Amino acid sequence: MIRACEKCGRGWMMSASRSHSNIKTKKRQFVNLLTKRVGGVRMRICANCLKALAKSS
């Protein structure tokens, strides 16, 4: 299952984790996905899209 929003398509991003000695290690930051029923259909949408839907309704 893909970790991406089904509405806007936003997925994970690459970032850097820094240790005490400032050594950089690559890590993935995932989107805040929530499973909600939108219009009778169950979707995995990100928190930003959910917030926008709440404002428009």
PDB file of N, CA and C in Angstrom:
ATOM      1  N   MET A   1       0.839  -1.179   0.000  1.00  0.00           N
ATOM      2  CA  MET A   1       0.000   0.000   0.000  1.00  0.00           C
ATOM      3  C   MET A   1       0.887   1.247   0.000  1.00  0.00           C
ATOM      4  N   ILE A   2       0.606   2.149  -0.893  1.00  0.00           N
ATOM      5  CA  ILE A   2       1.411   3.354  -1.031  1.00  0.00           C
ATOM      6  C   ILE A   2       1.074   4.336   0.086  1.00  0.00           C
ATOM      7  N   ARG A   3       2.112   4.940   0.667  1.00  0.00           N
ATOM      8  CA  ARG A   3       1.914   5.930   1.719  1.00  0.00           C
ATOM      9  C   ARG A   3       1.808   7.306   1.083  1.00  0.00           C
ATOM     10  N   ALA A   4       0.679   7.546   0.426  1.00  0.00           N
ATOM     11  CA  ALA A   4       0.435   8.823  -0.231  1.00  0.00           C
ATOM     12  C   ALA A   4      -1.041   9.164  -0.124  1.00  0.00           C
ATOM     13  N   CYS A   5      -1.345  10.443  -0.167  1.00  0.00           N
ATOM     14  CA  CYS A   5      -2.722  10.920  -0.091  1.00  0.00           C
ATOM     15  C   CYS A   5      -3.450  10.567  -1.388  1.00  0.00           C
ATOM     16  N   GLU A   6      -4.646  10.018  -1.265  1.00  0.00           N
ATOM     17  CA  GLU A   6      -5.417   9.644  -2.451  1.00  0.00           C
ATOM     18  C   GLU A   6      -6.075  10.846  -3.106  1.00  0.00           C
ATOM     19  N   LYS A   7      -6.159  11.961  -2.404  1.00  0.00           N
ATOM     20  CA  LYS A   7      -6.796  13.156  -2.960  1.00  0.00           C
ATOM     21  C   LYS A   7      -5.780  14.051  -3.687  1.00  0.00           C
ATOM     22  N   CYS A   8      -4.697  14.412  -2.996  1.00  0.00           N
ATOM     23  CA  CYS A   8      -3.731  15.338  -3.595  1.00  0.00           C
ATOM     24  C   CYS A   8      -2.463  14.647  -4.096  1.00  0.00           C
ATOM     25  N   GLY A   9      -2.237  13.388  -3.702  1.00  0.00           N
ATOM     26  CA  GLY A   9      -1.078  12.652  -4.178  1.00  0.00           C
ATOM     27  C   GLY A   9       0.210  12.935  -3.430  1.00  0.00           C
ATOM     28  N   ARG A  10       0.122  13.666  -2.336  1.00  0.00           N
ATOM     29  CA  ARG A  10       1.312  13.994  -1.561  1.00  0.00           C
ATOM     30  C   ARG A  10       1.862  12.737  -0.894  1.00  0.00           C
ATOM     31  N   GLY A  11       3.165  12.532  -1.005  1.00  0.00           N
ATOM     32  CA  GLY A  11       3.800  11.353  -0.436  1.00  0.00           C
ATOM     33  C   GLY A  11       4.917  11.735   0.519  1.00  0.00           C
ATOM     34  N   TRP A  12       5.805  10.775   0.786  1.00  0.00           N
ATOM     35  CA  TRP A  12       6.882  11.032   1.734  1.00  0.00           C
ATOM     36  C   TRP A  12       7.951  11.936   1.137  1.00  0.00           C
ATOM     37  N   MET A  13       8.739  12.567   2.020  1.00  0.00           N
ATOM     38  CA  MET A  13       9.839  13.435   1.621  1.00  0.00           C
ATOM     39  C   MET A  13      11.127  12.926   2.253  1.00  0.00           C
ATOM     40  N   MET A  14      12.245  13.245   1.657  1.00  0.00           N
ATOM     41  CA  MET A  14      13.538  12.858   2.199  1.00  0.00           C
ATOM     42  C   MET A  14      14.078  14.014   3.033  1.00  0.00           C
ATOM     43  N   SER A  15      14.616  13.679   4.208  1.00  0.00           N
ATOM     44  CA  SER A  15      15.220  14.690   5.067  1.00  0.00           C
ATOM     45  C   SER A  15      16.468  14.092   5.700  1.00  0.00           C
ATOM     46  N   ALA A  16      17.089  14.853   6.575  1.00  0.00           N
ATOM     47  CA  ALA A  16      18.328  14.409   7.189  1.00  0.00           C
ATOM     48  C   ALA A  16      18.187  14.368   8.700  1.00  0.00           C
ATOM     49  N   SER A  17      18.682  13.287   9.286  1.00  0.00           N
ATOM     50  CA  SER A  17      18.769  13.151  10.730  1.00  0.00           C
ATOM     51  C   SER A  17      20.205  13.484  11.115  1.00  0.00           C
ATOM     52  N   ARG A  18      20.379  14.323  12.119  1.00  0.00           N
ATOM     53  CA  ARG A  18      21.723  14.749  12.520  1.00  0.00           C
ATOM     54  C   ARG A  18      22.072  14.189  13.890  1.00  0.00           C
ATOM     55  N   SER A  19      23.255  13.587  13.998  1.00  0.00           N
ATOM     56  CA  SER A  19      23.715  13.055  15.272  1.00  0.00           C
ATOM     57  C   SER A  19      24.404  14.159  16.073  1.00  0.00           C
ATOM     58  N   HIS A  20      24.871  13.810  17.262  1.00  0.00           N
ATOM     59  CA  HIS A  20      25.562  14.791  18.107  1.00  0.00           C
ATOM     60  C   HIS A  20      26.845  15.284  17.434  1.00  0.00           C
ATOM     61  N   SER A  21      27.499  14.419  16.662  1.00  0.00           N
ATOM     62  CA  SER A  21      28.717  14.822  15.950  1.00  0.00           C
ATOM     63  C   SER A  21      28.409  15.437  14.590  1.00  0.00           C
ATOM     64  N   ASN A  22      27.137  15.728  14.332  1.00  0.00           N
ATOM     65  CA  ASN A  22      26.657  16.401  13.120  1.00  0.00           C
ATOM     66  C   ASN A  22      26.800  15.551  11.863  1.00  0.00           C
ATOM     67  N   ILE A  23      26.836  14.225  12.017  1.00  0.00           N
ATOM     68  CA  ILE A  23      26.856  13.326  10.864  1.00  0.00           C
ATOM     69  C   ILE A  23      25.438  13.221  10.313  1.00  0.00           C
ATOM     70  N   LYS A  24      25.318  13.364   8.990  1.00  0.00           N
ATOM     71  CA  LYS A  24      24.006  13.352   8.353  1.00  0.00           C
ATOM     72  C   LYS A  24      23.634  11.933   7.942  1.00  0.00           C
ATOM     73  N   THR A  25      22.412  11.518   8.284  1.00  0.00           N
ATOM     74  CA  THR A  25      21.859  10.235   7.868  1.00  0.00           C
ATOM     75  C   THR A  25      20.518  10.501   7.211  1.00  0.00           C
ATOM     76  N   LYS A  26      20.319   9.940   6.019  1.00  0.00           N
ATOM     77  CA  LYS A  26      19.056  10.165   5.320  1.00  0.00           C
ATOM     78  C   LYS A  26      17.917   9.407   5.989  1.00  0.00           C
ATOM     79  N   LYS A  27      16.754  10.058   6.054  1.00  0.00           N
ATOM     80  CA  LYS A  27      15.553   9.416   6.583  1.00  0.00           C
ATOM     81  C   LYS A  27      14.347   9.911   5.796  1.00  0.00           C
ATOM     82  N   ARG A  28      13.268   9.144   5.874  1.00  0.00           N
ATOM     83  CA  ARG A  28      12.037   9.527   5.188  1.00  0.00           C
ATOM     84  C   ARG A  28      11.046  10.092   6.188  1.00  0.00           C
ATOM     85  N   GLN A  29      10.392  11.189   5.813  1.00  0.00           N
ATOM     86  CA  GLN A  29       9.325  11.765   6.618  1.00  0.00           C
ATOM     87  C   GLN A  29       8.017  11.470   5.901  1.00  0.00           C
ATOM     88  N   PHE A  30       7.129  10.755   6.590  1.00  0.00           N
ATOM     89  CA  PHE A  30       5.878  10.351   5.982  1.00  0.00           C
ATOM     90  C   PHE A  30       4.781  11.371   6.249  1.00  0.00           C
ATOM     91  N   VAL A  31       3.796  11.391   5.368  1.00  0.00           N
ATOM     92  CA  VAL A  31       2.651  12.299   5.475  1.00  0.00           C
ATOM     93  C   VAL A  31       1.705  11.781   6.556  1.00  0.00           C
ATOM     94  N   ASN A  32       1.016  12.679   7.234  1.00  0.00           N
ATOM     95  CA  ASN A  32       0.042  12.327   8.261  1.00  0.00           C
ATOM     96  C   ASN A  32      -1.236  11.846   7.572  1.00  0.00           C
ATOM     97  N   LEU A  33      -1.316  10.529   7.297  1.00  0.00           N
ATOM     98  CA  LEU A  33      -2.462   9.955   6.588  1.00  0.00           C
ATOM     99  C   LEU A  33      -3.516   9.470   7.561  1.00  0.00           C
ATOM    100  N   LEU A  34      -4.763   9.740   7.238  1.00  0.00           N
ATOM    101  CA  LEU A  34      -5.907   9.321   8.038  1.00  0.00           C
ATOM    102  C   LEU A  34      -6.898   8.619   7.127  1.00  0.00           C
ATOM    103  N   THR A  35      -7.520   7.558   7.620  1.00  0.00           N
ATOM    104  CA  THR A  35      -8.539   6.848   6.854  1.00  0.00           C
ATOM    105  C   THR A  35      -9.893   7.427   7.230  1.00  0.00           C
ATOM    106  N   LYS A  36     -10.531   8.073   6.268  1.00  0.00           N
ATOM    107  CA  LYS A  36     -11.830   8.712   6.500  1.00  0.00           C
ATOM    108  C   LYS A  36     -12.784   8.360   5.372  1.00  0.00           C
ATOM    109  N   ARG A  37     -14.071   8.444   5.680  1.00  0.00           N
ATOM    110  CA  ARG A  37     -15.105   8.209   4.682  1.00  0.00           C
ATOM    111  C   ARG A  37     -15.521   9.565   4.110  1.00  0.00           C
ATOM    112  N   VAL A  38     -15.265   9.755   2.821  1.00  0.00           N
ATOM    113  CA  VAL A  38     -15.574  11.022   2.145  1.00  0.00           C
ATOM    114  C   VAL A  38     -16.538  10.719   1.012  1.00  0.00           C
ATOM    115  N   GLY A  39     -17.744  11.228   1.120  1.00  0.00           N
ATOM    116  CA  GLY A  39     -18.750  11.000   0.077  1.00  0.00           C
ATOM    117  C   GLY A  39     -19.130   9.541  -0.067  1.00  0.00           C
ATOM    118  N   GLY A  40     -19.110   8.786   1.034  1.00  0.00           N
ATOM    119  CA  GLY A  40     -19.472   7.371   0.995  1.00  0.00           C
ATOM    120  C   GLY A  40     -18.348   6.448   0.580  1.00  0.00           C
ATOM    121  N   VAL A  41     -17.161   6.991   0.318  1.00  0.00           N
ATOM    122  CA  VAL A  41     -16.021   6.191  -0.113  1.00  0.00           C
ATOM    123  C   VAL A  41     -14.912   6.320   0.936  1.00  0.00           C
ATOM    124  N   ARG A  42     -14.340   5.193   1.347  1.00  0.00           N
ATOM    125  CA  ARG A  42     -13.248   5.222   2.310  1.00  0.00           C
ATOM    126  C   ARG A  42     -11.964   5.609   1.594  1.00  0.00           C
ATOM    127  N   MET A  43     -11.305   6.658   2.091  1.00  0.00           N
ATOM    128  CA  MET A  43     -10.080   7.165   1.468  1.00  0.00           C
ATOM    129  C   MET A  43      -9.001   7.354   2.511  1.00  0.00           C
ATOM    130  N   ARG A  44      -7.746   7.248   2.074  1.00  0.00           N
ATOM    131  CA  ARG A  44      -6.608   7.611   2.918  1.00  0.00           C
ATOM    132  C   ARG A  44      -6.165   8.999   2.481  1.00  0.00           C
ATOM    133  N   ILE A  45      -6.534  10.010   3.260  1.00  0.00           N
ATOM    134  CA  ILE A  45      -6.216  11.390   2.894  1.00  0.00           C
ATOM    135  C   ILE A  45      -5.342  12.014   3.978  1.00  0.00           C
ATOM    136  N   CYS A  46      -4.550  12.994   3.577  1.00  0.00           N
ATOM    137  CA  CYS A  46      -3.651  13.654   4.524  1.00  0.00           C
ATOM    138  C   CYS A  46      -4.441  14.638   5.385  1.00  0.00           C
ATOM    139  N   ALA A  47      -3.842  15.035   6.500  1.00  0.00           N
ATOM    140  CA  ALA A  47      -4.499  15.921   7.460  1.00  0.00           C
ATOM    141  C   ALA A  47      -4.792  17.285   6.838  1.00  0.00           C
ATOM    142  N   ASN A  48      -3.927  17.751   5.928  1.00  0.00           N
ATOM    143  CA  ASN A  48      -4.163  19.048   5.282  1.00  0.00           C
ATOM    144  C   ASN A  48      -5.407  19.004   4.405  1.00  0.00           C
ATOM    145  N   CYS A  49      -5.609  17.937   3.644  1.00  0.00           N
ATOM    146  CA  CYS A  49      -6.797  17.798   2.799  1.00  0.00           C
ATOM    147  C   CYS A  49      -8.051  17.679   3.670  1.00  0.00           C
ATOM    148  N   LEU A  50      -7.952  16.966   4.793  1.00  0.00           N
ATOM    149  CA  LEU A  50      -9.072  16.817   5.701  1.00  0.00           C
ATOM    150  C   LEU A  50      -9.470  18.161   6.285  1.00  0.00           C
ATOM    151  N   LYS A  51      -8.483  18.960   6.624  1.00  0.00           N
ATOM    152  CA  LYS A  51      -8.734  20.302   7.168  1.00  0.00           C
ATOM    153  C   LYS A  51      -9.404  21.190   6.118  1.00  0.00           C
ATOM    154  N   ALA A  52      -8.948  21.087   4.864  1.00  0.00           N
ATOM    155  CA  ALA A  52      -9.531  21.876   3.779  1.00  0.00           C
ATOM    156  C   ALA A  52     -10.968  21.450   3.508  1.00  0.00           C
ATOM    157  N   LEU A  53     -11.262  20.133   3.607  1.00  0.00           N
ATOM    158  CA  LEU A  53     -12.628  19.650   3.413  1.00  0.00           C
ATOM    159  C   LEU A  53     -13.548  20.163   4.522  1.00  0.00           C
ATOM    160  N   ALA A  54     -13.037  20.220   5.741  1.00  0.00           N
ATOM    161  CA  ALA A  54     -13.834  20.704   6.863  1.00  0.00           C
ATOM    162  C   ALA A  54     -14.146  22.188   6.718  1.00  0.00           C
ATOM    163  N   LYS A  55     -13.204  22.948   6.185  1.00  0.00           N
ATOM    164  CA  LYS A  55     -13.427  24.386   5.986  1.00  0.00           C
ATOM    165  C   LYS A  55     -14.453  24.645   4.883  1.00  0.00           C
ATOM    166  N   SER A  56     -14.404  23.840   3.812  1.00  0.00           N
ATOM    167  CA  SER A  56     -15.306  24.065   2.688  1.00  0.00           C
ATOM    168  C   SER A  56     -16.730  23.614   2.968  1.00  0.00           C
ATOM    169  N   SER A  57     -16.901  22.661   3.890  1.00  0.00           N
ATOM    170  CA  SER A  57     -18.229  22.147   4.202  1.00  0.00           C
ATOM    171  C   SER A  57     -18.970  23.005   5.192  1.00  0.00           C
TER     172      SER A  57
END
